[in-house]
């Protein structure tokens, strides 16, 4: 079994064939998919998708690029919504200085709210970090000192220092199709160095389709291709890497039921 720990099944790309997309994932051995919230105000849609499929779970939260649209969200809101049995994570939240679609102050404030919700619920925080390594590392250190919370650095594309900080603080590191790109040797080097018990795989579908699907709409079934490259990068078999990342996913997303 393989678990796609991060996809966006609520996005318009999948509207016309969501059932078929999930079926194709099952056919490739994808036993669980987590569809990730990017706007709290769309949570009803995300929750409905998770309820429709036994093997799909979800998160609740606000993407940093949307933080300025949902400045009224509180930790209490997130905690209350996370009580739904299909909600297995908080987020995605974080810092994105690449697109800069939301003021940094709003992104930071939103991230701190999500951290508090993760700390209270002990559900993992799905962290989006792009071109914000130093600020993210600083926040993680400061906030962990106030009380530990589980987290994952999703779709990892940052520097080695942030990965090391995340692991040091108890976090996980998740690799997407970026790992398979020809121009990503640094990401493969980081993936080779992350401790075995902190590795995860994901698609971030519909974005970042891995080789050999580049240029296509990404979908959960393609996580198997990313996993194959991760296995090769670490010098192990795909079967062993599937077992490792699946066990890690169930450990981190502990509310997610096993088949």
Protein backbone atom coordinates (compact mmCIF):
# COMPACT_ATOMS: atom_id res chain seq x y z
CA UNK A 1 0.00 0.00 0.00
CA UNK A 2 1.01 3.61 -0.68
CA UNK A 3 -0.56 6.68 0.92
CA UNK A 4 -0.93 10.00 -0.87
CA UNK A 5 -0.63 12.27 2.14
CA UNK A 6 -1.47 15.48 0.28
CA UNK A 7 -3.80 16.09 -2.66
CA UNK A 8 -6.61 18.51 -3.51
CA UNK A 9 -9.57 16.48 -4.73
CA UNK A 10 -11.89 19.48 -4.29
CA UNK A 11 -10.11 21.48 -7.01
CA UNK A 12 -11.96 22.06 -10.31
CA UNK A 13 -9.43 19.86 -12.17
CA UNK A 14 -11.16 16.80 -10.69
CA UNK A 15 -14.78 17.96 -10.78
CA UNK A 16 -15.77 15.94 -13.85
CA UNK A 17 -14.04 12.67 -12.98
CA UNK A 18 -13.39 12.49 -9.26
CA UNK A 19 -14.78 8.96 -9.01
CA UNK A 20 -12.51 7.80 -11.83
CA UNK A 21 -9.47 9.53 -10.29
CA UNK A 22 -10.02 7.73 -6.99
CA UNK A 23 -10.54 4.44 -8.84
CA UNK A 24 -7.26 4.84 -10.73
CA UNK A 25 -5.47 5.47 -7.45
CA UNK A 26 -6.92 2.33 -5.91
CA UNK A 27 -5.83 0.34 -8.97
CA UNK A 28 -2.21 1.36 -8.33
CA UNK A 29 -2.30 0.40 -4.68
CA UNK A 30 -2.99 3.81 -3.18
CA UNK A 31 -4.78 2.75 -0.02
CA UNK A 32 -5.39 6.17 1.52
CA UNK A 33 -5.61 9.73 0.21
CA UNK A 34 -5.75 12.91 2.28
CA UNK A 35 -7.44 15.82 0.53
CA UNK A 36 -6.09 19.04 2.00
CA UNK A 37 -8.01 22.19 2.88
CA UNK A 38 -6.83 25.52 1.46
CA UNK A 39 -9.84 27.64 2.48
CA UNK A 40 -11.83 27.05 5.63
CA UNK A 41 -14.90 28.41 3.89
CA UNK A 42 -14.71 25.50 1.44
CA UNK A 43 -14.52 22.94 4.21
CA UNK A 44 -18.07 21.67 3.62
CA UNK A 45 -17.04 20.63 0.10
CA UNK A 46 -13.84 18.95 1.31
CA UNK A 47 -15.65 17.13 4.08
CA UNK A 48 -18.30 15.87 1.64
CA UNK A 49 -15.61 14.41 -0.62
CA UNK A 50 -14.00 12.62 2.33
CA UNK A 51 -17.40 11.27 3.36
CA UNK A 52 -18.07 9.99 -0.16
CA UNK A 53 -15.02 7.69 -0.28
CA UNK A 54 -13.99 5.28 2.48
CA UNK A 55 -10.30 5.69 1.62
CA UNK A 56 -10.26 9.50 1.46
CA UNK A 57 -9.62 11.64 4.54
CA UNK A 58 -9.16 15.39 4.89
CA UNK A 59 -7.70 18.32 6.80
CA UNK A 60 -9.15 21.66 7.91
CA UNK A 61 -7.36 24.97 7.48
CA UNK A 62 -6.32 27.98 5.41
CA UNK A 63 -3.45 28.09 2.91
CA UNK A 64 -1.00 30.97 3.50
CA UNK A 65 -1.82 32.47 0.10
CA UNK A 66 -5.42 32.78 1.31
CA UNK A 67 -4.61 33.95 4.84
CA UNK A 68 -5.73 37.52 4.16
CA UNK A 69 -9.19 36.24 3.16
CA UNK A 70 -9.77 34.41 6.45
CA UNK A 71 -8.25 36.58 9.17
CA UNK A 72 -11.21 35.90 11.44
CA UNK A 73 -10.48 32.16 11.77
CA UNK A 74 -9.70 31.09 15.34
CA UNK A 75 -8.07 28.05 16.85
CA UNK A 76 -11.45 27.25 18.38
CA UNK A 77 -12.99 27.12 14.88
CA UNK A 78 -10.34 24.68 13.70
CA UNK A 79 -10.58 22.52 16.81
CA UNK A 80 -14.36 22.28 16.53
CA UNK A 81 -14.30 21.30 12.86
CA UNK A 82 -11.49 18.80 13.45
CA UNK A 83 -13.81 16.69 15.58
CA UNK A 84 -15.31 15.21 12.41
CA UNK A 85 -14.13 11.59 12.11
CA UNK A 86 -12.69 12.12 8.62
CA UNK A 87 -10.51 15.10 9.64
CA UNK A 88 -7.00 13.81 10.33
CA UNK A 89 -4.91 17.00 10.11
CA UNK A 90 -4.83 20.78 10.53
CA UNK A 91 -3.86 23.01 7.61
CA UNK A 92 -2.34 23.50 5.22
CA UNK A 93 -0.91 26.64 6.76
CA UNK A 94 2.48 28.28 6.60
CA UNK A 95 4.52 30.93 4.84
CA UNK A 96 4.75 31.55 1.10
CA UNK A 97 7.13 34.35 0.13
CA UNK A 98 7.32 33.17 -3.48
CA UNK A 99 3.86 34.21 -4.63
CA UNK A 100 3.34 36.79 -1.84
CA UNK A 101 -0.41 36.79 -2.36
CA UNK A 102 -1.07 37.55 1.30
CA UNK A 103 0.71 40.00 3.59
CA UNK A 104 3.43 38.30 5.63
CA UNK A 105 1.79 39.45 8.86
CA UNK A 106 -1.47 37.72 7.89
CA UNK A 107 0.37 34.55 6.93
CA UNK A 108 2.23 34.48 10.23
CA UNK A 109 -0.87 35.19 12.29
CA UNK A 110 -2.76 32.42 10.49
CA UNK A 111 0.11 29.99 10.98
CA UNK A 112 0.17 30.66 14.73
CA UNK A 113 -3.58 30.00 14.93
CA UNK A 114 -3.12 26.69 13.12
CA UNK A 115 -0.21 25.74 15.38
CA UNK A 116 -2.37 26.34 18.43
CA UNK A 117 -5.10 24.12 16.96
CA UNK A 118 -2.55 21.38 16.22
CA UNK A 119 -1.17 21.67 19.74
CA UNK A 120 -4.63 21.37 21.28
CA UNK A 121 -5.82 18.49 19.13
CA UNK A 122 -2.46 16.78 18.57
CA UNK A 123 -3.50 16.39 14.95
CA UNK A 124 -0.55 17.00 12.61
CA UNK A 125 -0.12 20.45 11.13
CA UNK A 126 0.44 20.35 7.37
CA UNK A 127 3.01 23.07 6.74
CA UNK A 128 3.48 24.93 3.46
CA UNK A 129 6.86 26.68 3.33
CA UNK A 130 8.15 28.38 0.21
CA UNK A 131 11.15 30.72 0.16
CA UNK A 132 10.62 31.32 3.87
CA UNK A 133 13.14 28.91 5.39
CA UNK A 134 14.59 31.15 8.09
CA UNK A 135 11.26 32.52 9.31
CA UNK A 136 9.67 29.06 9.28
CA UNK A 137 12.53 27.50 11.24
CA UNK A 138 12.39 30.32 13.79
CA UNK A 139 8.63 29.96 14.28
CA UNK A 140 8.85 26.19 14.60
CA UNK A 141 11.56 26.47 17.25
CA UNK A 142 9.74 29.17 19.22
CA UNK A 143 6.37 27.44 19.09
CA UNK A 144 7.69 23.97 19.88
CA UNK A 145 9.29 25.43 22.99
CA UNK A 146 5.81 26.51 24.13
CA UNK A 147 4.41 23.00 23.65
CA UNK A 148 5.04 20.26 21.13
CA UNK A 149 2.73 19.62 18.18
CA UNK A 150 3.02 17.09 15.33
CA UNK A 151 3.74 18.48 11.87
CA UNK A 152 4.88 17.70 8.36
CA UNK A 153 6.83 19.90 5.96
CA UNK A 154 4.79 19.09 2.88
CA UNK A 155 5.93 19.12 -0.78
CA UNK A 156 9.45 19.77 0.40
CA UNK A 157 11.34 22.20 -1.83
CA UNK A 158 13.30 24.16 0.78
CA UNK A 159 16.90 23.95 1.91
CA UNK A 160 18.60 21.22 3.90
CA UNK A 161 18.68 23.35 7.07
CA UNK A 162 14.88 23.55 7.26
CA UNK A 163 14.55 19.80 6.78
CA UNK A 164 17.07 19.22 9.56
CA UNK A 165 15.25 21.65 11.85
CA UNK A 166 11.94 19.96 11.15
CA UNK A 167 13.33 16.53 11.94
CA UNK A 168 15.10 17.82 15.05
CA UNK A 169 11.80 19.17 16.36
CA UNK A 170 9.96 15.91 15.72
CA UNK A 171 8.48 16.67 12.33
CA UNK A 172 8.16 14.69 9.12
CA UNK A 173 9.25 15.61 5.59
CA UNK A 174 7.05 14.82 2.60
CA UNK A 175 8.29 14.60 -0.98
CA UNK A 176 6.24 15.27 -4.10
CA UNK A 177 6.81 14.96 -7.83
CA UNK A 178 9.55 17.61 -7.52
CA UNK A 179 11.75 14.75 -6.33
CA UNK A 180 11.61 13.22 -9.82
CA UNK A 181 12.51 16.36 -11.76
CA UNK A 182 15.85 16.38 -13.56
CA UNK A 183 16.76 19.77 -12.08
CA UNK A 184 16.15 18.68 -8.45
CA UNK A 185 19.38 16.97 -7.35
CA UNK A 186 19.45 18.96 -4.09
CA UNK A 187 15.99 17.69 -3.16
CA UNK A 188 17.08 14.10 -3.83
CA UNK A 189 20.14 14.65 -1.63
CA UNK A 190 17.91 15.89 1.18
CA UNK A 191 15.53 12.95 0.68
CA UNK A 192 18.47 10.57 0.96
CA UNK A 193 19.44 12.09 4.31
CA UNK A 194 16.05 12.33 6.07
CA UNK A 195 15.70 9.62 8.73
CA UNK A 196 13.74 6.63 7.50
CA UNK A 197 11.01 7.06 10.09
CA UNK A 198 10.25 10.66 9.00
CA UNK A 199 9.69 10.14 5.27
CA UNK A 200 6.36 10.64 3.52
CA UNK A 201 5.23 10.85 -0.11
CA UNK A 202 2.49 12.91 -1.72
CA UNK A 203 1.29 14.28 -5.03
CA UNK A 204 0.02 17.79 -4.19
CA UNK A 205 -2.33 16.97 -7.06
CA UNK A 206 -3.36 18.53 -9.38
CA UNK A 207 0.09 20.18 -9.36
CA UNK A 208 3.64 18.92 -9.94
CA UNK A 209 3.03 15.69 -11.82
CA UNK A 210 6.10 13.46 -11.48
CA UNK A 211 8.14 12.02 -14.31
CA UNK A 212 6.92 10.37 -16.56
CA UNK A 213 3.69 12.41 -16.34
CA UNK A 214 5.13 15.93 -16.45
CA UNK A 215 2.83 18.37 -18.19
CA UNK A 216 -0.25 16.38 -17.24
CA UNK A 217 -2.74 17.03 -14.47
CA UNK A 218 -1.32 15.29 -11.43
CA UNK A 219 -3.52 12.79 -9.59
CA UNK A 220 -3.14 10.49 -6.56
CA UNK A 221 -2.26 7.41 -8.62
CA UNK A 222 0.99 9.13 -9.66
CA UNK A 223 2.33 9.08 -6.10
CA UNK A 224 3.57 5.58 -6.99
CA UNK A 225 6.02 7.16 -9.45
CA UNK A 226 7.39 9.54 -6.82
CA UNK A 227 7.73 6.65 -4.39
CA UNK A 228 9.76 4.69 -6.96
CA UNK A 229 12.25 7.56 -7.28
CA UNK A 230 12.44 7.92 -3.50
CA UNK A 231 13.23 4.22 -3.22
CA UNK A 232 15.94 4.48 -5.87
CA UNK A 233 17.37 7.59 -4.21
CA UNK A 234 17.70 5.72 -0.93
CA UNK A 235 18.90 2.47 -2.46
CA UNK A 236 15.97 0.31 -1.47
CA UNK A 237 13.08 -1.48 -3.16
CA UNK A 238 9.76 0.13 -3.97
CA UNK A 239 8.03 -2.46 -1.79
CA UNK A 240 10.19 -1.58 1.20
CA UNK A 241 9.75 2.14 0.65
CA UNK A 242 5.99 1.70 0.35
CA UNK A 243 5.98 -0.13 3.69
CA UNK A 244 8.13 2.55 5.34
CA UNK A 245 6.17 5.57 4.13
CA UNK A 246 2.81 3.90 4.80
CA UNK A 247 3.75 3.09 8.39
CA UNK A 248 5.06 6.63 8.84
CA UNK A 249 1.81 8.08 7.49
CA UNK A 250 -0.33 6.05 9.86
CA UNK A 251 1.92 7.06 12.76
CA UNK A 252 1.68 10.77 11.97
CA UNK A 253 -1.94 10.83 10.85
CA UNK A 254 -2.91 8.62 13.76
CA UNK A 255 -6.63 9.38 13.48
CA UNK A 256 -6.72 7.90 9.96
CA UNK A 257 -8.11 4.38 10.01
CA UNK A 258 -6.12 1.45 8.64
CA UNK A 259 -7.72 -0.81 6.04
